Structure formats: C-alpha cells, structure tokens
Amino acid sequence: TDSESFISREALENVVVWGTQERGPVIGTRFTAFVDVSGGGADSFALGIAHQEGDIGVLDLVREVKPPLSPEGVIAEFADTLKAYSVRSVTGDRYGGEFPREQFRKHGITYVPSKEPKGAIYLGLLPRLNSGKVRLLGSRRLVNQILGLERNTARGGKDSIDHAPGGHDD
C-alpha cells in the first residue's frame, strides 16, 4: 500500500478556533454526539458533541478520559454531559458489543452503533475539512491526532484511514 498524510497542517489549522476549548449548550440548538468507547486498556474513552450552523459543522465539546479508567464510570459521566446538551442518543463504533448500549441505557441515553467504520467517517470528513465546512476546538491533542492519521491506498485502489502504528485516533 501507499501511505500519505490524511490532511495538511495548513488545511487543518484553517478550521481550528484557537482559544476556544469548549462551547456550552445553547437552548434551541440541536446537538449530536459520538463516543469512542474504551474498555480501560491502552486507548482513551472520548466524547464529542457538535451542531450545525447552516452548512458548517461546529465541534462544541471534546472530552477524553485516559486509562486507567472505569468504563461504567466514564459512561455515567458522559451521560450527564450529554443530558446537559439535551442529547438523548449517542453514536459510537461497534466496540464492546452490547456493553456500551446497556450502560448508556441505564442513564437514559440510547447508544446507536455507527453504520460507517471509522475509515469511512474520516473519508467523509476530509472534504469538509478541506473546504472549511467545519469549526474545530483549539485542542492541540485533537489537532495532533488528526494530523497523525494516514491515508493508505491498496493495490485495488481502495482507501483506508487510520492512525500510524503506535498512534491514537480517540
């Protein structure tokens, strides 16, 4: 496979709002959320909340809990955060089977497994990043993880996006 950077630093820097770490909930705004579940091992457990302003996707909140962690405890904490933004449904990957669904359900939040694998989500994000159709929070960790993504093209021409070995995309 051939490997290249997912996005240029310049294109990414153009959509980052430095100095803004988090935007609070606004009454009347419809927020959506995505979680990257962790079992408490090597990866962080992460939550992102966003909304649309016209054709611009705006990231309002990013939370990350680094291991060691209690998955049940993090889900309880994230459920409270989701409720503060009036979010009653969160999308996540298929990691953990029924566990994240059951735990979020205990807190009144519906967990919906993503229809797309993460590589397809990243591929869908790329044109929005390059065209300035998103606003990201000024988080150096977020920027570094996005910059650490690699785009690989297999012999058949199929693209995949993932972090480099030893990297993170939480």
N, C-alpha and C. Protein backbone atom coordinates (compact mmCIF):
# COMPACT_ATOMS: atom_id res chain seq x y z
N THR A 1 0.83 -1.19 0.00
CA THR A 1 0.00 0.00 0.00
C THR A 1 0.87 1.24 0.00
N ASP A 2 0.31 2.34 -0.53
CA ASP A 2 0.96 3.64 -0.46
C ASP A 2 0.35 4.40 0.70
N SER A 3 1.19 5.12 1.44
CA SER A 3 0.72 5.84 2.60
C SER A 3 1.03 7.32 2.45
N GLU A 4 0.10 8.18 2.87
CA GLU A 4 0.31 9.62 2.84
C GLU A 4 -0.47 10.24 3.99
N SER A 5 -0.19 11.50 4.26
CA SER A 5 -0.92 12.20 5.30
C SER A 5 -2.39 12.30 4.93
N PHE A 6 -3.23 12.25 5.92
CA PHE A 6 -4.67 12.37 5.72
C PHE A 6 -5.04 13.79 5.31
N ILE A 7 -4.46 14.79 5.98
CA ILE A 7 -4.76 16.19 5.70
C ILE A 7 -3.52 17.02 5.98
N SER A 8 -3.42 18.13 5.30
CA SER A 8 -2.27 19.02 5.53
C SER A 8 -2.48 19.82 6.81
N ARG A 9 -1.37 20.19 7.44
CA ARG A 9 -1.44 21.02 8.65
C ARG A 9 -2.14 22.34 8.33
N GLU A 10 -1.83 22.94 7.19
CA GLU A 10 -2.43 24.22 6.82
C GLU A 10 -3.95 24.13 6.71
N ALA A 11 -4.45 23.11 6.04
CA ALA A 11 -5.91 22.95 5.90
C ALA A 11 -6.57 22.75 7.26
N LEU A 12 -5.93 21.97 8.12
CA LEU A 12 -6.49 21.72 9.45
C LEU A 12 -6.46 22.99 10.30
N GLU A 13 -5.35 23.69 10.29
CA GLU A 13 -5.22 24.92 11.08
C GLU A 13 -6.27 25.95 10.67
N ASN A 14 -6.69 25.93 9.40
CA ASN A 14 -7.69 26.88 8.91
C ASN A 14 -9.07 26.69 9.53
N VAL A 15 -9.34 25.51 10.10
CA VAL A 15 -10.67 25.25 10.67
C VAL A 15 -10.66 25.17 12.19
N VAL A 16 -9.49 25.33 12.80
CA VAL A 16 -9.38 25.28 14.25
C VAL A 16 -9.58 26.69 14.82
N VAL A 17 -10.43 26.78 15.82
CA VAL A 17 -10.68 28.05 16.50
C VAL A 17 -9.83 28.04 17.78
N TRP A 18 -8.59 28.53 17.65
CA TRP A 18 -7.68 28.54 18.78
C TRP A 18 -8.22 29.49 19.84
N GLY A 19 -8.05 29.12 21.08
CA GLY A 19 -8.56 29.91 22.19
C GLY A 19 -9.94 29.47 22.65
N THR A 20 -10.59 28.61 21.87
CA THR A 20 -11.89 28.06 22.26
C THR A 20 -11.70 26.60 22.62
N GLN A 21 -11.87 26.30 23.89
CA GLN A 21 -11.70 24.94 24.37
C GLN A 21 -13.02 24.17 24.41
N GLU A 22 -14.12 24.90 24.58
CA GLU A 22 -15.43 24.26 24.70
C GLU A 22 -16.50 25.32 24.52
N ARG A 23 -17.60 24.92 23.90
CA ARG A 23 -18.78 25.78 23.78
C ARG A 23 -19.89 25.12 24.60
N GLY A 24 -20.53 25.88 25.44
CA GLY A 24 -21.59 25.33 26.28
C GLY A 24 -22.88 25.11 25.51
N PRO A 25 -23.82 24.41 26.13
CA PRO A 25 -25.10 24.16 25.49
C PRO A 25 -25.87 25.47 25.29
N VAL A 26 -26.61 25.52 24.18
CA VAL A 26 -27.45 26.68 23.86
C VAL A 26 -28.87 26.17 23.65
N ILE A 27 -29.80 26.73 24.39
CA ILE A 27 -31.20 26.31 24.27
C ILE A 27 -31.67 26.53 22.84
N GLY A 28 -32.35 25.54 22.30
CA GLY A 28 -32.88 25.62 20.94
C GLY A 28 -31.94 25.08 19.88
N THR A 29 -30.71 24.75 20.27
CA THR A 29 -29.74 24.18 19.33
C THR A 29 -29.82 22.66 19.41
N ARG A 30 -29.82 22.02 18.25
CA ARG A 30 -29.86 20.55 18.19
C ARG A 30 -28.42 20.04 18.11
N PHE A 31 -28.00 19.36 19.15
CA PHE A 31 -26.66 18.81 19.22
C PHE A 31 -26.67 17.33 18.89
N THR A 32 -25.55 16.85 18.35
CA THR A 32 -25.36 15.42 18.12
C THR A 32 -24.05 15.02 18.79
N ALA A 33 -23.90 13.72 19.04
CA ALA A 33 -22.73 13.27 19.78
C ALA A 33 -22.21 11.93 19.24
N PHE A 34 -20.91 11.73 19.44
CA PHE A 34 -20.23 10.50 19.07
C PHE A 34 -19.28 10.13 20.19
N VAL A 35 -19.21 8.85 20.53
CA VAL A 35 -18.25 8.38 21.53
C VAL A 35 -17.32 7.35 20.91
N ASP A 36 -16.10 7.35 21.39
CA ASP A 36 -15.13 6.31 21.06
C ASP A 36 -14.91 5.57 22.37
N VAL A 37 -15.56 4.43 22.48
CA VAL A 37 -15.57 3.66 23.72
C VAL A 37 -14.23 2.98 23.94
N SER A 38 -13.83 2.92 25.20
CA SER A 38 -12.62 2.21 25.60
C SER A 38 -12.97 1.23 26.71
N GLY A 39 -12.31 0.12 26.69
CA GLY A 39 -12.50 -0.86 27.76
C GLY A 39 -11.61 -0.61 28.96
N GLY A 40 -10.82 0.46 28.90
CA GLY A 40 -9.95 0.80 30.01
C GLY A 40 -8.51 0.38 29.79
N GLY A 41 -8.20 -0.17 28.61
CA GLY A 41 -6.84 -0.62 28.30
C GLY A 41 -5.96 0.53 27.84
N ALA A 42 -5.43 0.43 26.64
CA ALA A 42 -4.47 1.41 26.13
C ALA A 42 -5.12 2.67 25.58
N ASP A 43 -6.34 2.58 25.08
CA ASP A 43 -6.98 3.73 24.45
C ASP A 43 -7.78 4.56 25.43
N SER A 44 -7.92 5.83 25.09
CA SER A 44 -8.77 6.74 25.85
C SER A 44 -10.22 6.50 25.50
N PHE A 45 -11.10 6.94 26.36
CA PHE A 45 -12.55 6.94 26.14
C PHE A 45 -12.88 8.39 25.80
N ALA A 46 -13.46 8.64 24.64
CA ALA A 46 -13.64 10.03 24.20
C ALA A 46 -15.09 10.30 23.80
N LEU A 47 -15.48 11.57 23.95
CA LEU A 47 -16.81 12.05 23.60
C LEU A 47 -16.67 13.35 22.83
N GLY A 48 -17.44 13.48 21.76
CA GLY A 48 -17.51 14.73 21.02
C GLY A 48 -18.97 15.13 20.84
N ILE A 49 -19.26 16.41 21.01
CA ILE A 49 -20.61 16.94 20.80
C ILE A 49 -20.49 18.08 19.80
N ALA A 50 -21.41 18.12 18.83
CA ALA A 50 -21.35 19.13 17.78
C ALA A 50 -22.75 19.57 17.37
N HIS A 51 -22.79 20.63 16.57
CA HIS A 51 -24.05 21.09 15.99
C HIS A 51 -23.77 21.69 14.61
N GLN A 52 -24.83 21.95 13.87
CA GLN A 52 -24.74 22.55 12.54
C GLN A 52 -25.11 24.02 12.62
N GLU A 53 -24.38 24.86 11.93
CA GLU A 53 -24.74 26.26 11.72
C GLU A 53 -24.75 26.46 10.21
N GLY A 54 -25.94 26.35 9.61
CA GLY A 54 -26.03 26.37 8.16
C GLY A 54 -25.35 25.13 7.61
N ASP A 55 -24.34 25.33 6.76
CA ASP A 55 -23.61 24.17 6.21
C ASP A 55 -22.28 23.93 6.92
N ILE A 56 -22.09 24.57 8.06
CA ILE A 56 -20.85 24.41 8.84
C ILE A 56 -21.11 23.51 10.04
N GLY A 57 -20.30 22.48 10.18
CA GLY A 57 -20.34 21.61 11.35
C GLY A 57 -19.45 22.20 12.43
N VAL A 58 -19.99 22.42 13.62
CA VAL A 58 -19.25 23.06 14.70
C VAL A 58 -19.06 22.08 15.85
N LEU A 59 -17.81 21.82 16.18
CA LEU A 59 -17.49 20.96 17.32
C LEU A 59 -17.57 21.80 18.59
N ASP A 60 -18.43 21.40 19.51
CA ASP A 60 -18.67 22.17 20.72
C ASP A 60 -17.92 21.65 21.94
N LEU A 61 -17.70 20.35 22.00
CA LEU A 61 -17.11 19.76 23.19
C LEU A 61 -16.33 18.52 22.82
N VAL A 62 -15.18 18.36 23.42
CA VAL A 62 -14.40 17.12 23.33
C VAL A 62 -13.98 16.78 24.74
N ARG A 63 -14.29 15.57 25.15
CA ARG A 63 -13.85 15.06 26.46
C ARG A 63 -13.08 13.78 26.22
N GLU A 64 -12.01 13.63 26.96
CA GLU A 64 -11.20 12.42 26.86
C GLU A 64 -10.84 11.97 28.26
N VAL A 65 -11.04 10.70 28.52
CA VAL A 65 -10.61 10.11 29.78
C VAL A 65 -9.55 9.08 29.41
N LYS A 66 -8.36 9.30 29.93
CA LYS A 66 -7.23 8.41 29.63
C LYS A 66 -7.20 7.25 30.61
N PRO A 67 -6.70 6.10 30.16
CA PRO A 67 -6.59 4.96 31.06
C PRO A 67 -5.53 5.20 32.12
N PRO A 68 -5.65 4.52 33.24
CA PRO A 68 -6.68 3.55 33.59
C PRO A 68 -8.00 4.25 33.88
N LEU A 69 -9.08 3.57 33.55
CA LEU A 69 -10.41 4.15 33.72
C LEU A 69 -11.43 3.05 33.96
N SER A 70 -12.55 3.47 34.52
CA SER A 70 -13.69 2.57 34.70
C SER A 70 -14.68 2.88 33.58
N PRO A 71 -14.89 1.97 32.63
CA PRO A 71 -15.83 2.25 31.55
C PRO A 71 -17.22 2.65 32.06
N GLU A 72 -17.70 1.97 33.10
CA GLU A 72 -19.02 2.31 33.65
C GLU A 72 -19.03 3.71 34.23
N GLY A 73 -17.97 4.09 34.92
CA GLY A 73 -17.88 5.42 35.50
C GLY A 73 -17.82 6.51 34.43
N VAL A 74 -17.06 6.26 33.37
CA VAL A 74 -16.96 7.24 32.28
C VAL A 74 -18.30 7.38 31.58
N ILE A 75 -19.00 6.27 31.35
CA ILE A 75 -20.31 6.34 30.71
C ILE A 75 -21.27 7.16 31.56
N ALA A 76 -21.26 6.98 32.87
CA ALA A 76 -22.12 7.77 33.75
C ALA A 76 -21.79 9.26 33.63
N GLU A 77 -20.51 9.59 33.63
CA GLU A 77 -20.07 10.99 33.50
C GLU A 77 -20.48 11.56 32.13
N PHE A 78 -20.23 10.80 31.07
CA PHE A 78 -20.57 11.28 29.73
C PHE A 78 -22.09 11.40 29.55
N ALA A 79 -22.85 10.51 30.16
CA ALA A 79 -24.31 10.60 30.08
C ALA A 79 -24.80 11.91 30.68
N ASP A 80 -24.22 12.32 31.80
CA ASP A 80 -24.58 13.61 32.41
C ASP A 80 -24.25 14.77 31.47
N THR A 81 -23.10 14.69 30.81
CA THR A 81 -22.71 15.73 29.86
C THR A 81 -23.67 15.76 28.68
N LEU A 82 -24.02 14.60 28.16
CA LEU A 82 -24.98 14.54 27.03
C LEU A 82 -26.31 15.17 27.42
N LYS A 83 -26.78 14.86 28.61
CA LYS A 83 -28.06 15.42 29.07
C LYS A 83 -28.00 16.94 29.19
N ALA A 84 -26.85 17.48 29.59
CA ALA A 84 -26.69 18.94 29.69
C ALA A 84 -26.86 19.61 28.34
N TYR A 85 -26.55 18.88 27.25
CA TYR A 85 -26.71 19.38 25.88
C TYR A 85 -28.02 18.90 25.26
N SER A 86 -28.89 18.33 26.07
CA SER A 86 -30.18 17.78 25.61
C SER A 86 -30.02 16.71 24.54
N VAL A 87 -28.94 15.96 24.63
CA VAL A 87 -28.68 14.85 23.71
C VAL A 87 -29.15 13.57 24.38
N ARG A 88 -30.03 12.85 23.73
CA ARG A 88 -30.57 11.61 24.31
C ARG A 88 -30.13 10.36 23.54
N SER A 89 -29.32 10.58 22.49
CA SER A 89 -28.83 9.48 21.68
C SER A 89 -27.39 9.77 21.29
N VAL A 90 -26.52 8.79 21.42
CA VAL A 90 -25.12 8.97 21.06
C VAL A 90 -24.73 7.85 20.10
N THR A 91 -23.93 8.20 19.11
CA THR A 91 -23.43 7.21 18.15
C THR A 91 -22.03 6.82 18.55
N GLY A 92 -21.70 5.55 18.33
CA GLY A 92 -20.36 5.06 18.62
C GLY A 92 -20.04 3.88 17.72
N ASP A 93 -18.80 3.44 17.80
CA ASP A 93 -18.43 2.28 16.98
C ASP A 93 -19.00 1.00 17.59
N ARG A 94 -18.68 -0.10 17.02
CA ARG A 94 -19.26 -1.38 17.47
C ARG A 94 -18.41 -2.06 18.54
N TYR A 95 -17.43 -1.34 19.06
CA TYR A 95 -16.57 -1.89 20.11
C TYR A 95 -17.41 -2.21 21.34
N GLY A 96 -17.16 -3.35 21.93
CA GLY A 96 -17.78 -3.71 23.21
C GLY A 96 -19.14 -4.38 23.09
N GLY A 97 -19.61 -4.61 21.86
CA GLY A 97 -20.89 -5.31 21.71
C GLY A 97 -22.04 -4.62 22.41
N GLU A 98 -22.73 -5.35 23.26
CA GLU A 98 -23.90 -4.83 23.96
C GLU A 98 -23.53 -3.97 25.17
N PHE A 99 -22.30 -4.08 25.65
CA PHE A 99 -21.90 -3.38 26.88
C PHE A 99 -22.17 -1.88 26.84
N PRO A 100 -21.67 -1.12 25.83
CA PRO A 100 -21.93 0.33 25.88
C PRO A 100 -23.43 0.66 25.75
N ARG A 101 -24.15 -0.12 24.96
CA ARG A 101 -25.60 0.12 24.81
C ARG A 101 -26.30 -0.03 26.16
N GLU A 102 -25.98 -1.11 26.84
CA GLU A 102 -26.61 -1.38 28.14
C GLU A 102 -26.27 -0.30 29.15
N GLN A 103 -25.00 0.09 29.20
CA GLN A 103 -24.57 1.08 30.20
C GLN A 103 -25.16 2.46 29.92
N PHE A 104 -25.17 2.89 28.66
CA PHE A 104 -25.78 4.19 28.34
C PHE A 104 -27.28 4.15 28.61
N ARG A 105 -27.91 3.03 28.29
CA ARG A 105 -29.35 2.88 28.52
C ARG A 105 -29.70 3.06 30.00
N LYS A 106 -28.84 2.58 30.89
CA LYS A 106 -29.06 2.74 32.34
C LYS A 106 -29.16 4.21 32.72
N HIS A 107 -28.59 5.08 31.90
CA HIS A 107 -28.56 6.52 32.19
C HIS A 107 -29.50 7.31 31.27
N GLY A 108 -30.40 6.57 30.58
CA GLY A 108 -31.39 7.24 29.75
C GLY A 108 -30.88 7.71 28.41
N ILE A 109 -29.75 7.17 27.96
CA ILE A 109 -29.16 7.55 26.67
C ILE A 109 -29.19 6.33 25.74
N THR A 110 -29.64 6.54 24.52
CA THR A 110 -29.64 5.47 23.52
C THR A 110 -28.30 5.46 22.80
N TYR A 111 -27.65 4.31 22.77
CA TYR A 111 -26.38 4.14 22.07
C TYR A 111 -26.67 3.51 20.72
N VAL A 112 -26.29 4.22 19.65
CA VAL A 112 -26.54 3.76 18.29
C VAL A 112 -25.21 3.40 17.64
N PRO A 113 -25.01 2.13 17.26
CA PRO A 113 -23.77 1.77 16.57
C PRO A 113 -23.70 2.48 15.21
N SER A 114 -22.54 3.01 14.91
CA SER A 114 -22.32 3.71 13.65
C SER A 114 -22.52 2.77 12.47
N LYS A 115 -23.16 3.28 11.44
CA LYS A 115 -23.33 2.50 10.22
C LYS A 115 -22.03 2.43 9.43
N GLU A 116 -21.17 3.41 9.65
CA GLU A 116 -19.90 3.50 8.91
C GLU A 116 -18.73 3.12 9.81
N PRO A 117 -17.73 2.43 9.27
CA PRO A 117 -16.50 2.22 10.04
C PRO A 117 -15.73 3.54 10.11
N LYS A 118 -14.79 3.62 11.03
CA LYS A 118 -14.10 4.90 11.26
C LYS A 118 -13.39 5.42 10.01
N GLY A 119 -12.83 4.55 9.20
CA GLY A 119 -12.15 5.00 7.99
C GLY A 119 -13.10 5.73 7.05
N ALA A 120 -14.31 5.23 6.93
CA ALA A 120 -15.32 5.88 6.07
C ALA A 120 -15.75 7.21 6.67
N ILE A 121 -15.82 7.28 7.99
CA ILE A 121 -16.16 8.55 8.66
C ILE A 121 -15.07 9.57 8.36
N TYR A 122 -13.81 9.17 8.49
CA TYR A 122 -12.70 10.08 8.20
C TYR A 122 -12.73 10.52 6.73
N LEU A 123 -12.98 9.59 5.82
CA LEU A 123 -13.04 9.96 4.40
C LEU A 123 -14.15 10.96 4.13
N GLY A 124 -15.28 10.82 4.83
CA GLY A 124 -16.37 11.78 4.68
C GLY A 124 -16.04 13.13 5.28
N LEU A 125 -15.19 13.15 6.28
CA LEU A 125 -14.79 14.40 6.92
C LEU A 125 -13.80 15.19 6.07
N LEU A 126 -12.97 14.51 5.32
CA LEU A 126 -11.88 15.16 4.58
C LEU A 126 -12.35 16.32 3.69
N PRO A 127 -13.36 16.14 2.83
CA PRO A 127 -13.76 17.29 2.00
C PRO A 127 -14.32 18.45 2.82
N ARG A 128 -14.94 18.15 3.95
CA ARG A 128 -15.45 19.22 4.82
C ARG A 128 -14.30 19.98 5.47
N LEU A 129 -13.25 19.28 5.87
CA LEU A 129 -12.06 19.94 6.41
C LEU A 129 -11.41 20.82 5.34
N ASN A 130 -11.20 20.24 4.16
CA ASN A 130 -10.51 20.96 3.09
C ASN A 130 -11.29 22.16 2.57
N SER A 131 -12.61 22.12 2.67
CA SER A 131 -13.43 23.23 2.17
C SER A 131 -13.81 24.22 3.28
N GLY A 132 -13.31 23.99 4.49
CA GLY A 132 -13.59 24.89 5.60
C GLY A 132 -15.01 24.80 6.11
N LYS A 133 -15.66 23.65 5.95
CA LYS A 133 -17.05 23.47 6.37
C LYS A 133 -17.19 22.93 7.79
N VAL A 134 -16.11 22.99 8.56
CA VAL A 134 -16.16 22.61 9.97
C VAL A 134 -15.40 23.64 10.79
N ARG A 135 -15.74 23.71 12.07
CA ARG A 135 -15.01 24.53 13.05
C ARG A 135 -14.66 23.60 14.20
N LEU A 136 -13.37 23.43 14.43
CA LEU A 136 -12.89 22.56 15.49
C LEU A 136 -12.42 23.37 16.68
N LEU A 137 -12.46 22.76 17.83
CA LEU A 137 -11.98 23.40 19.05
C LEU A 137 -10.46 23.49 19.04
N GLY A 138 -9.94 24.46 19.78
CA GLY A 138 -8.50 24.67 19.85
C GLY A 138 -7.80 23.73 20.80
N SER A 139 -7.82 22.46 20.48
CA SER A 139 -7.18 21.43 21.29
C SER A 139 -5.96 20.90 20.55
N ARG A 140 -4.79 21.10 21.12
CA ARG A 140 -3.56 20.62 20.49
C ARG A 140 -3.60 19.10 20.33
N ARG A 141 -4.15 18.40 21.32
CA ARG A 141 -4.23 16.93 21.23
C ARG A 141 -5.12 16.50 20.07
N LEU A 142 -6.27 17.16 19.90
CA LEU A 142 -7.17 16.86 18.79
C LEU A 142 -6.46 17.09 17.46
N VAL A 143 -5.81 18.23 17.33
CA VAL A 143 -5.10 18.56 16.09
C VAL A 143 -4.01 17.53 15.82
N ASN A 144 -3.23 17.18 16.83
CA ASN A 144 -2.14 16.22 16.63
C ASN A 144 -2.67 14.84 16.23
N GLN A 145 -3.79 14.42 16.82
CA GLN A 145 -4.33 13.11 16.45
C GLN A 145 -4.86 13.12 15.01
N ILE A 146 -5.48 14.21 14.60
CA ILE A 146 -5.95 14.28 13.20
C ILE A 146 -4.76 14.31 12.26
N LEU A 147 -3.74 15.09 12.60
CA LEU A 147 -2.54 15.14 11.75
C LEU A 147 -1.82 13.79 11.71
N GLY A 148 -1.99 12.97 12.74
CA GLY A 148 -1.36 11.66 12.80
C GLY A 148 -2.06 10.59 11.97
N LEU A 149 -3.22 10.94 11.42
CA LEU A 149 -3.94 9.96 10.59
C LEU A 149 -3.22 9.79 9.25
N GLU A 150 -3.26 8.56 8.75
CA GLU A 150 -2.64 8.26 7.46
C GLU A 150 -3.68 7.70 6.51
N ARG A 151 -3.52 8.08 5.26
CA ARG A 151 -4.38 7.56 4.19
C ARG A 151 -3.58 6.54 3.42
N ASN A 152 -4.09 5.31 3.38
CA ASN A 152 -3.41 4.23 2.67
C ASN A 152 -4.27 3.79 1.51
N THR A 153 -3.62 3.61 0.37
CA THR A 153 -4.31 3.13 -0.82
C THR A 153 -3.78 1.75 -1.16
N ALA A 154 -4.67 0.78 -1.17
CA ALA A 154 -4.29 -0.60 -1.50
C ALA A 154 -4.16 -0.75 -3.02
N ARG A 155 -3.60 -1.86 -3.45
CA ARG A 155 -3.43 -2.11 -4.88
C ARG A 155 -4.72 -2.01 -5.67
N GLY A 156 -5.83 -2.38 -5.05
CA GLY A 156 -7.12 -2.32 -5.74
C GLY A 156 -7.68 -0.91 -5.81
N GLY A 157 -6.98 0.07 -5.21
CA GLY A 157 -7.42 1.45 -5.27
C GLY A 157 -8.29 1.89 -4.10
N LYS A 158 -8.58 0.96 -3.18
CA LYS A 158 -9.43 1.30 -2.04
C LYS A 158 -8.62 2.05 -0.98
N ASP A 159 -9.17 3.18 -0.52
CA ASP A 159 -8.52 3.99 0.51
C ASP A 159 -8.95 3.54 1.89
N SER A 160 -8.03 3.63 2.85
CA SER A 160 -8.36 3.44 4.25
C SER A 160 -7.63 4.53 5.04
N ILE A 161 -8.27 4.94 6.13
CA ILE A 161 -7.71 5.97 7.00
C ILE A 161 -7.57 5.38 8.40
N ASP A 162 -6.40 5.54 9.00
CA ASP A 162 -6.18 5.06 10.36
C ASP A 162 -4.97 5.77 10.92
N HIS A 163 -4.77 5.64 12.23
CA HIS A 163 -3.57 6.22 12.83
C HIS A 163 -2.36 5.35 12.50
N ALA A 164 -1.19 5.96 12.57
CA ALA A 164 0.05 5.23 12.34
C ALA A 164 0.26 4.25 13.49
N PRO A 165 1.08 3.22 13.28
CA PRO A 165 1.38 2.29 14.38
C PRO A 165 1.86 3.07 15.60
N GLY A 166 1.26 2.75 16.75
CA GLY A 166 1.60 3.43 17.99
C GLY A 166 0.90 4.75 18.19
N GLY A 167 0.12 5.20 17.18
CA GLY A 167 -0.61 6.46 17.27
C GLY A 167 -1.99 6.27 17.88
N HIS A 168 -2.73 7.36 17.95
CA HIS A 168 -4.08 7.33 18.52
C HIS A 168 -5.04 8.13 17.66
N ASP A 169 -6.29 7.74 17.68
CA ASP A 169 -7.34 8.49 16.98
C ASP A 169 -8.59 8.54 17.85
N ASP A 170 -8.38 8.72 19.13
CA ASP A 170 -9.51 8.73 20.06
C ASP A 170 -10.34 9.99 19.87
